[in-house]
């Protein structure tokens, strides 16, 4: 998870930034950055080195995105619970269920395969590897957010149960 911590550090992910990133607009506009980046990179065919400008704009948007939307205090929606779960996952801790760890690690395989296909497709300007790679990345990320949302719910229930006062049966 040190790679994830490094990425979070790059994005300056404070507790406030995590609450802002949990806003569904933040989550879904990050997904919109994938086709925007593909188009920006592909535009080198039409505008040459000027393609670096739209690539830079997408990168700046990705860096700003977790900081520009209103914060979510109580994660009720699917996207918000997923982002709060991502924060739990990143923070680690002894109460993280092992089953979630395994699934989240396995989900890296289609994401990495998708990235490789996407990179190949963009390097060689091949539409099918580009589209298939982007699709794999998006599906893996959606599945990951879903699992992280389940993690948030499960850990929240466990912590609530542990914090609840224990009733002692009458003697």
C-alpha atoms as a PDB file:
ATOM      1  CA  UNK A   1       0.000   0.000   0.000  1.00  0.00           C
ATOM      2  CA  UNK A   2       3.005   2.314  -0.013  1.00  0.00           C
ATOM      3  CA  UNK A   3       2.324   3.075  -3.694  1.00  0.00           C
ATOM      4  CA  UNK A   4      -1.219   4.137  -2.791  1.00  0.00           C
ATOM      5  CA  UNK A   5       0.110   6.331   0.023  1.00  0.00           C
ATOM      6  CA  UNK A   6       2.564   7.940  -2.397  1.00  0.00           C
ATOM      7  CA  UNK A   7      -0.252   8.655  -4.843  1.00  0.00           C
ATOM      8  CA  UNK A   8      -2.397  10.104  -2.029  1.00  0.00           C
ATOM      9  CA  UNK A   9       0.550  12.283  -1.050  1.00  0.00           C
ATOM     10  CA  UNK A  10       0.941  13.505  -4.626  1.00  0.00           C
ATOM     11  CA  UNK A  11      -2.715  14.580  -4.595  1.00  0.00           C
ATOM     12  CA  UNK A  12      -2.294  16.189  -1.111  1.00  0.00           C
ATOM     13  CA  UNK A  13      -5.079  14.052   0.328  1.00  0.00           C
ATOM     14  CA  UNK A  14      -5.829  15.527   3.743  1.00  0.00           C
ATOM     15  CA  UNK A  15      -8.940  14.434   5.661  1.00  0.00           C
ATOM     16  CA  UNK A  16     -10.781  17.407   4.146  1.00  0.00           C
ATOM     17  CA  UNK A  17      -9.636  16.412   0.639  1.00  0.00           C
ATOM     18  CA  UNK A  18     -10.947  12.865   1.217  1.00  0.00           C
ATOM     19  CA  UNK A  19     -14.350  14.285   2.246  1.00  0.00           C
ATOM     20  CA  UNK A  20     -14.391  16.463  -0.860  1.00  0.00           C
ATOM     21  CA  UNK A  21     -13.279  13.572  -3.075  1.00  0.00           C
ATOM     22  CA  UNK A  22     -16.185  11.517  -1.709  1.00  0.00           C
ATOM     23  CA  UNK A  23     -18.544  13.896  -3.513  1.00  0.00           C
ATOM     24  CA  UNK A  24     -20.057  11.951  -6.436  1.00  0.00           C
ATOM     25  CA  UNK A  25     -19.147  14.790  -8.800  1.00  0.00           C
ATOM     26  CA  UNK A  26     -15.496  14.287  -7.909  1.00  0.00           C
ATOM     27  CA  UNK A  27     -15.683  10.536  -8.490  1.00  0.00           C
ATOM     28  CA  UNK A  28     -17.524  10.661 -11.805  1.00  0.00           C
ATOM     29  CA  UNK A  29     -15.547  13.557 -13.266  1.00  0.00           C
ATOM     30  CA  UNK A  30     -12.385  11.580 -12.584  1.00  0.00           C
ATOM     31  CA  UNK A  31     -13.860   8.809 -14.720  1.00  0.00           C
ATOM     32  CA  UNK A  32     -14.550  11.415 -17.412  1.00  0.00           C
ATOM     33  CA  UNK A  33     -10.840  12.238 -17.358  1.00  0.00           C
ATOM     34  CA  UNK A  34     -10.034   8.832 -18.888  1.00  0.00           C
ATOM     35  CA  UNK A  35     -11.564   9.511 -22.333  1.00  0.00           C
ATOM     36  CA  UNK A  36     -10.361  13.124 -22.080  1.00  0.00           C
ATOM     37  CA  UNK A  37      -6.776  11.909 -21.589  1.00  0.00           C
ATOM     38  CA  UNK A  38      -7.144   9.385 -24.417  1.00  0.00           C
ATOM     39  CA  UNK A  39      -8.356  12.114 -26.741  1.00  0.00           C
ATOM     40  CA  UNK A  40      -5.596  14.465 -25.576  1.00  0.00           C
ATOM     41  CA  UNK A  41      -2.896  11.880 -26.270  1.00  0.00           C
ATOM     42  CA  UNK A  42      -4.454  10.816 -29.568  1.00  0.00           C
ATOM     43  CA  UNK A  43      -4.619  14.465 -30.649  1.00  0.00           C
ATOM     44  CA  UNK A  44      -0.884  14.359 -31.321  1.00  0.00           C
ATOM     45  CA  UNK A  45      -1.898  13.049 -34.745  1.00  0.00           C
ATOM     46  CA  UNK A  46      -3.754  16.268 -35.508  1.00  0.00           C
ATOM     47  CA  UNK A  47      -1.916  18.961 -33.543  1.00  0.00           C
ATOM     48  CA  UNK A  48       1.559  17.521 -32.988  1.00  0.00           C
ATOM     49  CA  UNK A  49       3.429  18.755 -29.920  1.00  0.00           C
ATOM     50  CA  UNK A  50       0.506  21.030 -29.042  1.00  0.00           C
ATOM     51  CA  UNK A  51      -1.125  17.837 -27.753  1.00  0.00           C
ATOM     52  CA  UNK A  52       0.916  18.332 -24.589  1.00  0.00           C
ATOM     53  CA  UNK A  53      -1.382  21.237 -23.698  1.00  0.00           C
ATOM     54  CA  UNK A  54      -4.584  19.162 -23.389  1.00  0.00           C
ATOM     55  CA  UNK A  55      -2.600  16.387 -21.663  1.00  0.00           C
ATOM     56  CA  UNK A  56      -1.361  18.951 -19.144  1.00  0.00           C
ATOM     57  CA  UNK A  57      -4.910  20.282 -18.666  1.00  0.00           C
ATOM     58  CA  UNK A  58      -6.195  16.781 -17.836  1.00  0.00           C
ATOM     59  CA  UNK A  59      -3.323  16.244 -15.368  1.00  0.00           C
ATOM     60  CA  UNK A  60      -4.038  19.584 -13.681  1.00  0.00           C
ATOM     61  CA  UNK A  61      -7.727  18.652 -13.464  1.00  0.00           C
ATOM     62  CA  UNK A  62      -6.861  15.305 -11.855  1.00  0.00           C
ATOM     63  CA  UNK A  63      -4.683  17.077  -9.279  1.00  0.00           C
ATOM     64  CA  UNK A  64      -7.340  19.690  -8.492  1.00  0.00           C
ATOM     65  CA  UNK A  65     -10.357  17.383  -8.604  1.00  0.00           C
ATOM     66  CA  UNK A  66     -10.256  16.039  -5.027  1.00  0.00           C
ATOM     67  CA  UNK A  67     -10.183  19.602  -3.699  1.00  0.00           C
ATOM     68  CA  UNK A  68     -12.879  21.486  -5.653  1.00  0.00           C
ATOM     69  CA  UNK A  69     -16.195  19.856  -4.755  1.00  0.00           C
ATOM     70  CA  UNK A  70     -18.200  20.318  -1.546  1.00  0.00           C
ATOM     71  CA  UNK A  71     -17.287  17.802   1.179  1.00  0.00           C
ATOM     72  CA  UNK A  72     -19.441  14.813   2.062  1.00  0.00           C
ATOM     73  CA  UNK A  73     -19.764  14.446   5.825  1.00  0.00           C
ATOM     74  CA  UNK A  74     -21.917  11.304   5.939  1.00  0.00           C
ATOM     75  CA  UNK A  75     -21.237   8.811   3.144  1.00  0.00           C
ATOM     76  CA  UNK A  76     -24.667   7.593   2.053  1.00  0.00           C
ATOM     77  CA  UNK A  77     -24.284   7.162  -1.695  1.00  0.00           C
ATOM     78  CA  UNK A  78     -22.396   4.449  -3.541  1.00  0.00           C
ATOM     79  CA  UNK A  79     -19.507   6.684  -4.645  1.00  0.00           C
ATOM     80  CA  UNK A  80     -19.105   8.363  -1.253  1.00  0.00           C
ATOM     81  CA  UNK A  81     -19.040   5.043   0.619  1.00  0.00           C
ATOM     82  CA  UNK A  82     -16.463   3.777  -1.875  1.00  0.00           C
ATOM     83  CA  UNK A  83     -14.177   6.754  -1.307  1.00  0.00           C
ATOM     84  CA  UNK A  84     -14.571   6.558   2.471  1.00  0.00           C
ATOM     85  CA  UNK A  85     -13.720   2.847   2.121  1.00  0.00           C
ATOM     86  CA  UNK A  86     -10.664   3.767   0.089  1.00  0.00           C
ATOM     87  CA  UNK A  87      -9.512   5.989   2.965  1.00  0.00           C
ATOM     88  CA  UNK A  88     -10.057   3.082   5.394  1.00  0.00           C
ATOM     89  CA  UNK A  89      -8.107   0.788   3.074  1.00  0.00           C
ATOM     90  CA  UNK A  90      -5.253   3.256   2.793  1.00  0.00           C
ATOM     91  CA  UNK A  91      -5.099   3.816   6.548  1.00  0.00           C
ATOM     92  CA  UNK A  92      -5.037   0.049   7.094  1.00  0.00           C
ATOM     93  CA  UNK A  93      -5.631  -1.255  10.553  1.00  0.00           C
ATOM     94  CA  UNK A  94      -6.282  -4.521  12.292  1.00  0.00           C
ATOM     95  CA  UNK A  95     -10.037  -4.460  11.700  1.00  0.00           C
ATOM     96  CA  UNK A  96      -9.825  -4.646   7.892  1.00  0.00           C
ATOM     97  CA  UNK A  97     -11.362  -7.959   6.795  1.00  0.00           C
ATOM     98  CA  UNK A  98      -8.908 -10.245   5.001  1.00  0.00           C
ATOM     99  CA  UNK A  99     -11.415 -11.096   2.251  1.00  0.00           C
ATOM    100  CA  UNK A 100     -11.465  -7.501   1.099  1.00  0.00           C
ATOM    101  CA  UNK A 101      -7.682  -7.391   0.980  1.00  0.00           C
ATOM    102  CA  UNK A 102      -7.564 -10.376  -1.378  1.00  0.00           C
ATOM    103  CA  UNK A 103     -10.247  -9.082  -3.748  1.00  0.00           C
ATOM    104  CA  UNK A 104      -8.756  -5.601  -3.915  1.00  0.00           C
ATOM    105  CA  UNK A 105      -5.344  -7.035  -4.705  1.00  0.00           C
ATOM    106  CA  UNK A 106      -6.792  -9.296  -7.419  1.00  0.00           C
ATOM    107  CA  UNK A 107      -8.541  -6.313  -9.003  1.00  0.00           C
ATOM    108  CA  UNK A 108      -5.140  -4.854  -9.781  1.00  0.00           C
ATOM    109  CA  UNK A 109      -4.654  -7.533 -12.478  1.00  0.00           C
ATOM    110  CA  UNK A 110      -7.358  -6.349 -14.918  1.00  0.00           C
ATOM    111  CA  UNK A 111      -6.422  -2.727 -14.185  1.00  0.00           C
ATOM    112  CA  UNK A 112      -2.754  -3.331 -15.029  1.00  0.00           C
ATOM    113  CA  UNK A 113      -3.706  -5.374 -18.118  1.00  0.00           C
ATOM    114  CA  UNK A 114      -6.042  -2.550 -19.172  1.00  0.00           C
ATOM    115  CA  UNK A 115      -3.303   0.014 -18.677  1.00  0.00           C
ATOM    116  CA  UNK A 116      -0.885  -2.052 -20.798  1.00  0.00           C
ATOM    117  CA  UNK A 117      -3.454  -2.376 -23.591  1.00  0.00           C
ATOM    118  CA  UNK A 118      -4.309   1.303 -23.370  1.00  0.00           C
ATOM    119  CA  UNK A 119      -0.637   2.318 -23.516  1.00  0.00           C
ATOM    120  CA  UNK A 120      -0.054   0.035 -26.507  1.00  0.00           C
ATOM    121  CA  UNK A 121      -3.138   1.353 -28.284  1.00  0.00           C
ATOM    122  CA  UNK A 122      -2.160   4.975 -27.698  1.00  0.00           C
ATOM    123  CA  UNK A 123       1.480   4.430 -28.659  1.00  0.00           C
ATOM    124  CA  UNK A 124       0.579   2.702 -31.924  1.00  0.00           C
ATOM    125  CA  UNK A 125      -2.702   4.558 -32.523  1.00  0.00           C
ATOM    126  CA  UNK A 126      -4.720   1.348 -32.503  1.00  0.00           C
ATOM    127  CA  UNK A 127      -8.391   1.911 -31.590  1.00  0.00           C
ATOM    128  CA  UNK A 128      -9.291  -1.569 -30.315  1.00  0.00           C
ATOM    129  CA  UNK A 129      -6.529  -1.979 -27.728  1.00  0.00           C
ATOM    130  CA  UNK A 130      -7.157   1.623 -26.657  1.00  0.00           C
ATOM    131  CA  UNK A 131     -10.891   1.109 -26.166  1.00  0.00           C
ATOM    132  CA  UNK A 132     -10.533  -2.349 -24.627  1.00  0.00           C
ATOM    133  CA  UNK A 133      -7.778  -1.172 -22.275  1.00  0.00           C
ATOM    134  CA  UNK A 134      -9.798   1.856 -21.151  1.00  0.00           C
ATOM    135  CA  UNK A 135     -12.833  -0.380 -20.638  1.00  0.00           C
ATOM    136  CA  UNK A 136     -10.827  -2.785 -18.461  1.00  0.00           C
ATOM    137  CA  UNK A 137      -9.492   0.101 -16.391  1.00  0.00           C
ATOM    138  CA  UNK A 138     -12.948   1.599 -15.887  1.00  0.00           C
ATOM    139  CA  UNK A 139     -14.596  -1.733 -15.031  1.00  0.00           C
ATOM    140  CA  UNK A 140     -11.826  -2.629 -12.588  1.00  0.00           C
ATOM    141  CA  UNK A 141     -12.103   0.802 -10.961  1.00  0.00           C
ATOM    142  CA  UNK A 142     -15.905   0.552 -10.689  1.00  0.00           C
ATOM    143  CA  UNK A 143     -15.594  -2.884  -9.120  1.00  0.00           C
ATOM    144  CA  UNK A 144     -12.882  -1.565  -6.801  1.00  0.00           C
ATOM    145  CA  UNK A 145     -15.080   1.328  -5.646  1.00  0.00           C
ATOM    146  CA  UNK A 146     -17.919  -1.128  -5.049  1.00  0.00           C
ATOM    147  CA  UNK A 147     -15.688  -3.371  -2.927  1.00  0.00           C
ATOM    148  CA  UNK A 148     -14.341  -0.374  -1.024  1.00  0.00           C
ATOM    149  CA  UNK A 149     -17.926   0.719  -0.333  1.00  0.00           C
ATOM    150  CA  UNK A 150     -18.667  -2.742   1.047  1.00  0.00           C
ATOM    151  CA  UNK A 151     -15.513  -2.495   3.132  1.00  0.00           C
ATOM    152  CA  UNK A 152     -16.705   0.834   4.536  1.00  0.00           C
ATOM    153  CA  UNK A 153     -20.102  -0.632   5.403  1.00  0.00           C
ATOM    154  CA  UNK A 154     -18.645  -3.769   6.997  1.00  0.00           C
ATOM    155  CA  UNK A 155     -16.039  -1.935   9.064  1.00  0.00           C
ATOM    156  CA  UNK A 156     -18.640   0.644  10.093  1.00  0.00           C
ATOM    157  CA  UNK A 157     -21.008  -2.081  11.322  1.00  0.00           C
ATOM    158  CA  UNK A 158     -18.199  -3.825  13.200  1.00  0.00           C
ATOM    159  CA  UNK A 159     -17.054  -0.596  14.851  1.00  0.00           C
ATOM    160  CA  UNK A 160     -20.651   0.302  15.794  1.00  0.00           C
ATOM    161  CA  UNK A 161     -21.178  -3.127  17.330  1.00  0.00           C
ATOM    162  CA  UNK A 162     -17.926  -2.836  19.288  1.00  0.00           C
ATOM    163  CA  UNK A 163     -18.867   0.626  20.558  1.00  0.00           C
ATOM    164  CA  UNK A 164     -22.415  -0.347  21.545  1.00  0.00           C
ATOM    165  CA  UNK A 165     -22.951  -0.859  25.262  1.00  0.00           C
ATOM    166  CA  UNK A 166     -23.046  -4.520  26.188  1.00  0.00           C
ATOM    167  CA  UNK A 167     -26.210  -5.654  27.897  1.00  0.00           C
ATOM    168  CA  UNK A 168     -25.667  -7.985  30.778  1.00  0.00           C
ATOM    169  CA  UNK A 169     -28.421 -10.575  31.148  1.00  0.00           C
ATOM    170  CA  UNK A 170     -30.190 -10.518  34.492  1.00  0.00           C
ATOM    171  CA  UNK A 171     -28.915 -13.037  37.005  1.00  0.00           C
END
